[in-house]
Amino acid sequence: MLHLAISATSSGDEDNYLKSAIRGILGVAGLMLAFNLRDSAYRFYETIANRGPFGPGPGFSPGVIRSVGAVLGIVMIALSIAGIS
């Protein structure tokens, strides 16, 4: 859905810069989750644990959320930098 919105609003080089900016923003959000800014990993875990129809399994913890956020953040920022150049 996001891809359709991006391709409908821009074209050519502008499209490339827009995609890179979105990836960069998502990358920064992933790193903020990894660095546990404002206790975000625990808050995310609590939201999933308390509001979902199924509880999280034994391997799901704030540490796992932080690790996944770090990996996704680094990958998204690397894709953003590669997209600009």
C-alpha atoms as a PDB file:
ATOM      1  CA  MET A   1       0.000   0.000   0.000  1.00  0.00           C
ATOM      2  CA  LEU A   2       2.845   2.370   0.853  1.00  0.00           C
ATOM      3  CA  HIS A   3       4.513   1.542  -2.450  1.00  0.00           C
ATOM      4  CA  LEU A   4       1.360   2.488  -4.338  1.00  0.00           C
ATOM      5  CA  ALA A   5       1.160   5.815  -2.524  1.00  0.00           C
ATOM      6  CA  ILE A   6       4.794   6.574  -3.275  1.00  0.00           C
ATOM      7  CA  SER A   7       4.546   5.695  -6.964  1.00  0.00           C
ATOM      8  CA  ALA A   8       1.295   7.631  -7.358  1.00  0.00           C
ATOM      9  CA  THR A   9       2.753  10.849  -5.950  1.00  0.00           C
ATOM     10  CA  SER A  10       6.150  11.080  -7.628  1.00  0.00           C
ATOM     11  CA  SER A  11       8.280   9.872 -10.502  1.00  0.00           C
ATOM     12  CA  GLY A  12      11.898   9.531 -11.583  1.00  0.00           C
ATOM     13  CA  ASP A  13      14.585  10.848  -9.265  1.00  0.00           C
ATOM     14  CA  GLU A  14      12.019  12.321  -6.886  1.00  0.00           C
ATOM     15  CA  ASP A  15      10.642   8.816  -6.360  1.00  0.00           C
ATOM     16  CA  ASN A  16      14.112   7.565  -5.465  1.00  0.00           C
ATOM     17  CA  TYR A  17      14.663  10.341  -2.924  1.00  0.00           C
ATOM     18  CA  LEU A  18      11.216   9.840  -1.396  1.00  0.00           C
ATOM     19  CA  LYS A  19      11.774   6.105  -0.972  1.00  0.00           C
ATOM     20  CA  SER A  20      15.178   6.789   0.566  1.00  0.00           C
ATOM     21  CA  ALA A  21      13.700   9.322   2.983  1.00  0.00           C
ATOM     22  CA  ILE A  22      10.981   6.881   4.080  1.00  0.00           C
ATOM     23  CA  ARG A  23      13.543   4.119   4.566  1.00  0.00           C
ATOM     24  CA  GLY A  24      15.725   6.496   6.553  1.00  0.00           C
ATOM     25  CA  ILE A  25      12.829   7.476   8.822  1.00  0.00           C
ATOM     26  CA  LEU A  26      11.934   3.813   9.382  1.00  0.00           C
ATOM     27  CA  GLY A  27      15.601   3.075  10.078  1.00  0.00           C
ATOM     28  CA  VAL A  28      15.802   5.796  12.704  1.00  0.00           C
ATOM     29  CA  ALA A  29      12.576   4.473  14.264  1.00  0.00           C
ATOM     30  CA  GLY A  30      14.100   0.975  14.402  1.00  0.00           C
ATOM     31  CA  LEU A  31      17.232   2.292  16.097  1.00  0.00           C
ATOM     32  CA  MET A  32      15.139   4.271  18.569  1.00  0.00           C
ATOM     33  CA  LEU A  33      13.374   1.013  19.417  1.00  0.00           C
ATOM     34  CA  ALA A  34      16.738  -0.751  19.736  1.00  0.00           C
ATOM     35  CA  PHE A  35      18.134   1.899  22.079  1.00  0.00           C
ATOM     36  CA  ASN A  36      14.904   1.613  24.095  1.00  0.00           C
ATOM     37  CA  LEU A  37      14.061   5.287  23.862  1.00  0.00           C
ATOM     38  CA  ARG A  38      11.362   6.100  26.433  1.00  0.00           C
ATOM     39  CA  ASP A  39      11.100   2.407  27.280  1.00  0.00           C
ATOM     40  CA  SER A  40       9.545   1.730  23.870  1.00  0.00           C
ATOM     41  CA  ALA A  41      10.488  -1.966  23.651  1.00  0.00           C
ATOM     42  CA  TYR A  42       8.738  -2.764  26.927  1.00  0.00           C
ATOM     43  CA  ARG A  43       5.713  -0.663  25.985  1.00  0.00           C
ATOM     44  CA  PHE A  44       5.442  -2.483  22.656  1.00  0.00           C
ATOM     45  CA  TYR A  45       5.729  -5.823  24.468  1.00  0.00           C
ATOM     46  CA  GLU A  46       3.033  -4.852  26.966  1.00  0.00           C
ATOM     47  CA  THR A  47       0.706  -3.704  24.172  1.00  0.00           C
ATOM     48  CA  ILE A  48       1.063  -7.028  22.381  1.00  0.00           C
ATOM     49  CA  ALA A  49       0.753  -9.032  25.608  1.00  0.00           C
ATOM     50  CA  ASN A  50      -2.287  -7.253  27.034  1.00  0.00           C
ATOM     51  CA  ARG A  51      -4.371  -6.343  23.999  1.00  0.00           C
ATOM     52  CA  GLY A  52      -3.907  -9.177  21.559  1.00  0.00           C
ATOM     53  CA  PRO A  53      -6.200 -12.201  21.339  1.00  0.00           C
ATOM     54  CA  PHE A  54      -3.177 -14.462  21.897  1.00  0.00           C
ATOM     55  CA  GLY A  55      -0.390 -13.933  24.417  1.00  0.00           C
ATOM     56  CA  PRO A  56       3.218 -13.831  23.243  1.00  0.00           C
ATOM     57  CA  GLY A  57       5.191 -17.066  23.354  1.00  0.00           C
ATOM     58  CA  PRO A  58       8.134 -17.836  25.623  1.00  0.00           C
ATOM     59  CA  GLY A  59      10.732 -16.544  23.132  1.00  0.00           C
ATOM     60  CA  PHE A  60       9.132 -13.127  22.794  1.00  0.00           C
ATOM     61  CA  SER A  61      10.558 -10.456  25.090  1.00  0.00           C
ATOM     62  CA  PRO A  62      11.592  -6.786  25.040  1.00  0.00           C
ATOM     63  CA  GLY A  63      15.149  -7.976  24.314  1.00  0.00           C
ATOM     64  CA  VAL A  64      13.987  -9.704  21.141  1.00  0.00           C
ATOM     65  CA  ILE A  65      12.076  -6.586  20.119  1.00  0.00           C
ATOM     66  CA  ARG A  66      15.202  -4.463  20.641  1.00  0.00           C
ATOM     67  CA  SER A  67      17.351  -6.894  18.620  1.00  0.00           C
ATOM     68  CA  VAL A  68      14.933  -6.952  15.702  1.00  0.00           C
ATOM     69  CA  GLY A  69      14.661  -3.147  15.856  1.00  0.00           C
ATOM     70  CA  ALA A  70      18.452  -2.839  15.663  1.00  0.00           C
ATOM     71  CA  VAL A  71      18.731  -5.159  12.661  1.00  0.00           C
ATOM     72  CA  LEU A  72      15.858  -3.520  10.798  1.00  0.00           C
ATOM     73  CA  GLY A  73      17.149  -0.038  11.644  1.00  0.00           C
ATOM     74  CA  ILE A  74      20.627  -0.755  10.326  1.00  0.00           C
ATOM     75  CA  VAL A  75      19.306  -2.396   7.163  1.00  0.00           C
ATOM     76  CA  MET A  76      16.840   0.412   6.446  1.00  0.00           C
ATOM     77  CA  ILE A  77      19.465   3.126   6.947  1.00  0.00           C
ATOM     78  CA  ALA A  78      21.888   1.229   4.691  1.00  0.00           C
ATOM     79  CA  LEU A  79      19.192   0.942   1.995  1.00  0.00           C
ATOM     80  CA  SER A  80      18.424   4.631   2.389  1.00  0.00           C
ATOM     81  CA  ILE A  81      22.069   5.596   1.877  1.00  0.00           C
ATOM     82  CA  ALA A  82      22.392   3.217  -1.086  1.00  0.00           C
ATOM     83  CA  GLY A  83      19.236   4.670  -2.649  1.00  0.00           C
ATOM     84  CA  ILE A  84      20.544   8.232  -2.542  1.00  0.00           C
ATOM     85  CA  SER A  85      23.840   7.420  -4.241  1.00  0.00           C
END
